[in-house]
C-alpha atoms as a PDB file:
ATOM      1  CA  MET A   1     -10.729  38.175  12.414  1.00  0.00           C
ATOM      2  CA  LYS A   2      -8.351  34.866  13.365  1.00  0.00           C
ATOM      3  CA  LEU A   3     -11.141  32.990  12.225  1.00  0.00           C
ATOM      4  CA  LEU A   4     -11.954  34.809   8.793  1.00  0.00           C
ATOM      5  CA  LEU A   5      -7.975  34.443   8.039  1.00  0.00           C
ATOM      6  CA  SER A   6      -8.003  30.636   8.777  1.00  0.00           C
ATOM      7  CA  ILE A   7     -10.770  30.640   6.663  1.00  0.00           C
ATOM      8  CA  ILE A   8      -9.519  32.405   3.951  1.00  0.00           C
ATOM      9  CA  VAL A   9      -5.895  30.728   4.117  1.00  0.00           C
ATOM     10  CA  CYS A  10      -7.522  27.186   3.501  1.00  0.00           C
ATOM     11  CA  LEU A  11      -9.611  28.548   0.696  1.00  0.00           C
ATOM     12  CA  SER A  12      -6.639  30.034  -0.930  1.00  0.00           C
ATOM     13  CA  ALA A  13      -5.214  26.203  -1.193  1.00  0.00           C
ATOM     14  CA  GLY A  14      -8.360  25.599  -2.974  1.00  0.00           C
ATOM     15  CA  LEU A  15      -8.119  28.256  -5.438  1.00  0.00           C
ATOM     16  CA  ILE A  16      -4.510  27.463  -6.085  1.00  0.00           C
ATOM     17  CA  GLY A  17      -5.571  23.940  -6.800  1.00  0.00           C
ATOM     18  CA  SER A  18      -8.315  24.894  -9.053  1.00  0.00           C
ATOM     19  CA  LEU A  19      -6.127  27.810 -11.287  1.00  0.00           C
ATOM     20  CA  PHE A  20      -4.474  23.925 -12.579  1.00  0.00           C
ATOM     21  CA  THR A  21      -8.009  21.803 -12.515  1.00  0.00           C
ATOM     22  CA  PHE A  22     -10.218  24.195 -14.425  1.00  0.00           C
ATOM     23  CA  ALA A  23      -8.428  24.126 -17.834  1.00  0.00           C
ATOM     24  CA  ALA A  24      -7.791  20.068 -17.712  1.00  0.00           C
ATOM     25  CA  ILE A  25     -11.335  18.933 -16.674  1.00  0.00           C
ATOM     26  CA  PRO A  26     -12.900  19.667 -20.514  1.00  0.00           C
ATOM     27  CA  THR A  27      -9.918  18.449 -22.133  1.00  0.00           C
ATOM     28  CA  TRP A  28      -7.174  16.079 -19.870  1.00  0.00           C
ATOM     29  CA  TYR A  29      -9.902  14.664 -17.753  1.00  0.00           C
ATOM     30  CA  ALA A  30     -12.481  14.242 -19.840  1.00  0.00           C
ATOM     31  CA  THR A  31     -10.532  12.011 -22.076  1.00  0.00           C
ATOM     32  CA  LEU A  32     -10.130   9.447 -18.914  1.00  0.00           C
ATOM     33  CA  ILE A  33     -11.608   6.257 -18.822  1.00  0.00           C
ATOM     34  CA  LYS A  34     -13.846   6.805 -15.079  1.00  0.00           C
ATOM     35  CA  PRO A  35     -15.104   4.250 -13.084  1.00  0.00           C
ATOM     36  CA  SER A  36     -18.554   4.154 -12.925  1.00  0.00           C
ATOM     37  CA  PHE A  37     -18.882   5.442  -8.638  1.00  0.00           C
ATOM     38  CA  SER A  38     -17.182   8.486 -10.117  1.00  0.00           C
ATOM     39  CA  PRO A  39     -19.267  11.847  -9.264  1.00  0.00           C
ATOM     40  CA  PRO A  40     -20.471  14.245 -11.498  1.00  0.00           C
ATOM     41  CA  ASN A  41     -17.751  17.828 -11.731  1.00  0.00           C
ATOM     42  CA  TRP A  42     -20.194  19.426 -10.483  1.00  0.00           C
ATOM     43  CA  LEU A  43     -20.177  18.234  -7.295  1.00  0.00           C
ATOM     44  CA  PHE A  44     -16.603  18.739  -6.416  1.00  0.00           C
ATOM     45  CA  GLY A  45     -16.736  22.790  -6.457  1.00  0.00           C
ATOM     46  CA  PRO A  46     -19.738  22.726  -3.395  1.00  0.00           C
ATOM     47  CA  VAL A  47     -17.776  19.616  -1.446  1.00  0.00           C
ATOM     48  CA  TRP A  48     -14.360  20.987  -1.256  1.00  0.00           C
ATOM     49  CA  THR A  49     -15.480  25.012  -0.159  1.00  0.00           C
ATOM     50  CA  THR A  50     -17.727  23.040   2.029  1.00  0.00           C
ATOM     51  CA  LEU A  51     -14.592  21.019   3.182  1.00  0.00           C
ATOM     52  CA  TYR A  52     -12.133  24.430   3.430  1.00  0.00           C
ATOM     53  CA  VAL A  53     -14.584  25.883   5.814  1.00  0.00           C
ATOM     54  CA  LEU A  54     -14.165  23.539   8.153  1.00  0.00           C
ATOM     55  CA  MET A  55     -10.598  22.928   7.669  1.00  0.00           C
ATOM     56  CA  GLY A  56     -10.343  27.028   8.440  1.00  0.00           C
ATOM     57  CA  ILE A  57     -12.981  26.667  11.569  1.00  0.00           C
ATOM     58  CA  ALA A  58     -10.419  23.781  12.783  1.00  0.00           C
ATOM     59  CA  MET A  59      -7.454  26.000  12.245  1.00  0.00           C
ATOM     60  CA  TYR A  60      -8.660  28.999  14.309  1.00  0.00           C
ATOM     61  CA  LEU A  61      -9.297  26.534  16.912  1.00  0.00           C
ATOM     62  CA  VAL A  62      -5.836  25.620  17.113  1.00  0.00           C
ATOM     63  CA  TRP A  63      -4.401  28.961  16.632  1.00  0.00           C
ATOM     64  CA  ARG A  64      -6.785  30.384  19.017  1.00  0.00           C
ATOM     65  CA  LYS A  65      -5.009  27.896  21.402  1.00  0.00           C
ATOM     66  CA  ARG A  66      -1.471  29.204  20.483  1.00  0.00           C
ATOM     67  CA  LYS A  67      -0.479  26.198  18.944  1.00  0.00           C
ATOM     68  CA  SER A  68       1.822  25.429  15.956  1.00  0.00           C
ATOM     69  CA  LEU A  69       0.261  25.717  12.966  1.00  0.00           C
ATOM     70  CA  ASN A  70       3.145  24.132  10.961  1.00  0.00           C
ATOM     71  CA  LEU A  71       1.724  20.661   9.963  1.00  0.00           C
ATOM     72  CA  PHE A  72      -1.569  22.443   9.096  1.00  0.00           C
ATOM     73  CA  LEU A  73       0.177  23.914   6.724  1.00  0.00           C
ATOM     74  CA  ILE A  74       2.465  21.632   5.510  1.00  0.00           C
ATOM     75  CA  HIS A  75      -0.911  19.670   4.936  1.00  0.00           C
ATOM     76  CA  LEU A  76      -2.587  22.806   3.089  1.00  0.00           C
ATOM     77  CA  VAL A  77       0.678  22.629   0.076  1.00  0.00           C
ATOM     78  CA  PHE A  78       0.234  18.639  -0.025  1.00  0.00           C
ATOM     79  CA  ASN A  79      -3.610  19.599  -0.667  1.00  0.00           C
ATOM     80  CA  ALA A  80      -3.069  21.939  -3.321  1.00  0.00           C
ATOM     81  CA  GLY A  81      -0.347  20.184  -4.629  1.00  0.00           C
ATOM     82  CA  TRP A  82      -2.265  17.308  -5.809  1.00  0.00           C
ATOM     83  CA  SER A  83      -4.180  19.447  -8.403  1.00  0.00           C
ATOM     84  CA  ILE A  84      -1.086  21.002  -9.638  1.00  0.00           C
ATOM     85  CA  VAL A  85       0.395  17.396 -10.449  1.00  0.00           C
ATOM     86  CA  PHE A  86      -2.976  15.449 -11.282  1.00  0.00           C
ATOM     87  CA  PHE A  87      -4.236  17.973 -13.292  1.00  0.00           C
ATOM     88  CA  GLY A  88      -1.584  20.402 -14.212  1.00  0.00           C
ATOM     89  CA  LEU A  89       1.335  17.413 -14.772  1.00  0.00           C
ATOM     90  CA  HIS A  90      -1.558  14.850 -16.074  1.00  0.00           C
ATOM     91  CA  SER A  91      -0.144  12.831 -13.755  1.00  0.00           C
ATOM     92  CA  ILE A  92      -2.202   9.908 -12.247  1.00  0.00           C
ATOM     93  CA  LEU A  93       0.264   8.040 -10.546  1.00  0.00           C
ATOM     94  CA  GLY A  94       1.890  11.309  -9.470  1.00  0.00           C
ATOM     95  CA  GLY A  95      -1.611  12.485  -7.691  1.00  0.00           C
ATOM     96  CA  MET A  96      -2.174   9.115  -6.352  1.00  0.00           C
ATOM     97  CA  VAL A  97       1.626   9.120  -4.740  1.00  0.00           C
ATOM     98  CA  THR A  98       0.827  12.747  -3.651  1.00  0.00           C
ATOM     99  CA  ILE A  99      -3.228  12.098  -2.363  1.00  0.00           C
ATOM    100  CA  ILE A 100      -1.146   9.127  -0.127  1.00  0.00           C
ATOM    101  CA  ILE A 101       0.972  11.658   1.169  1.00  0.00           C
ATOM    102  CA  LEU A 102      -2.018  13.878   1.858  1.00  0.00           C
ATOM    103  CA  TRP A 103      -4.496  11.032   3.424  1.00  0.00           C
ATOM    104  CA  GLY A 104      -1.312  10.841   5.947  1.00  0.00           C
ATOM    105  CA  LEU A 105      -0.769  13.975   6.773  1.00  0.00           C
ATOM    106  CA  ILE A 106      -4.772  14.378   7.291  1.00  0.00           C
ATOM    107  CA  PHE A 107      -4.877  11.353   9.552  1.00  0.00           C
ATOM    108  CA  THR A 108      -1.914  12.690  11.565  1.00  0.00           C
ATOM    109  CA  LEU A 109      -3.986  16.313  12.028  1.00  0.00           C
ATOM    110  CA  ILE A 110      -6.460  14.888  13.457  1.00  0.00           C
ATOM    111  CA  ARG A 111      -4.820  12.729  16.285  1.00  0.00           C
ATOM    112  CA  THR A 112      -2.680  16.079  16.550  1.00  0.00           C
ATOM    113  CA  PHE A 113      -5.473  18.128  16.929  1.00  0.00           C
ATOM    114  CA  TYR A 114      -8.034  15.664  18.864  1.00  0.00           C
ATOM    115  CA  ARG A 115      -4.996  15.954  21.515  1.00  0.00           C
ATOM    116  CA  ILE A 116      -5.376  19.968  21.660  1.00  0.00           C
ATOM    117  CA  ASP A 117      -9.130  20.150  21.027  1.00  0.00           C
ATOM    118  CA  ARG A 118     -11.551  17.600  20.215  1.00  0.00           C
ATOM    119  CA  ARG A 119     -14.221  19.930  17.764  1.00  0.00           C
ATOM    120  CA  THR A 120     -11.058  20.254  15.802  1.00  0.00           C
ATOM    121  CA  ALA A 121     -10.617  16.950  14.933  1.00  0.00           C
ATOM    122  CA  TYR A 122     -14.371  16.104  14.466  1.00  0.00           C
ATOM    123  CA  LEU A 123     -14.352  19.049  11.946  1.00  0.00           C
ATOM    124  CA  LEU A 124     -11.661  17.272   9.710  1.00  0.00           C
ATOM    125  CA  ILE A 125     -13.204  13.367   9.715  1.00  0.00           C
ATOM    126  CA  PRO A 126     -15.692  14.911   6.275  1.00  0.00           C
ATOM    127  CA  TYR A 127     -12.023  15.731   4.850  1.00  0.00           C
ATOM    128  CA  LEU A 128     -10.392  12.582   5.881  1.00  0.00           C
ATOM    129  CA  VAL A 129     -13.744  10.551   4.507  1.00  0.00           C
ATOM    130  CA  TRP A 130     -13.676  12.581   1.565  1.00  0.00           C
ATOM    131  CA  VAL A 131      -9.977  12.331   0.476  1.00  0.00           C
ATOM    132  CA  SER A 132      -9.933   8.505   1.432  1.00  0.00           C
ATOM    133  CA  PHE A 133     -12.845   8.405  -1.663  1.00  0.00           C
ATOM    134  CA  ALA A 134     -10.624  10.722  -3.770  1.00  0.00           C
ATOM    135  CA  SER A 135      -7.852   8.364  -3.261  1.00  0.00           C
ATOM    136  CA  ILE A 136      -9.990   5.157  -4.615  1.00  0.00           C
ATOM    137  CA  LEU A 137     -11.384   7.221  -7.348  1.00  0.00           C
ATOM    138  CA  ASN A 138      -7.367   8.479  -8.018  1.00  0.00           C
ATOM    139  CA  PHE A 139      -6.330   4.590  -8.136  1.00  0.00           C
ATOM    140  CA  SER A 140      -9.307   3.954 -10.209  1.00  0.00           C
ATOM    141  CA  LEU A 141      -8.364   6.109 -12.822  1.00  0.00           C
ATOM    142  CA  LEU A 142      -5.097   4.991 -12.332  1.00  0.00           C
ATOM    143  CA  ILE A 143      -5.875   1.026 -13.233  1.00  0.00           C
ATOM    144  CA  LEU A 144      -8.192   2.017 -15.807  1.00  0.00           C
ATOM    145  CA  ASN A 145      -5.872   4.622 -17.742  1.00  0.00           C
ATOM    146  CA  GLN A 146      -3.045   2.849 -17.764  1.00  0.00           C
ATOM    147  CA  GLY A 147      -2.224   2.550 -21.416  1.00  0.00           C
ATOM    148  CA  LEU A 148      -3.052   6.253 -21.646  1.00  0.00           C
END
């Protein structure tokens, strides 16, 4: 039950973010100048779903050891918050600030979780890699769309 609940909690962060994302993709986001390395829109859903499941497993492994999940839950707020700021508020700069904080929280989670159960840190590494790429994409969008 804890494993299922952990995965649902993480997927819920994605669901909250998607409520702000889906409406903005064909409208506001479609008008932005994108860098050549911007992936197709259809790729984001499967990647994020996979990452949320991995996060849920990591959350479960830490929860099972009766360790605090406060930092993990705070990080999920910033995870969903990025979509709210970037897509909901149409703020590329605000998204950049939010994703930098998110990246730092993920890095801290990996270091913290590594001491609890090394597997949890390994489960979060693909997430850090993807958010690193997303940070570069966010920064590129900021530079390319300064006048908009």
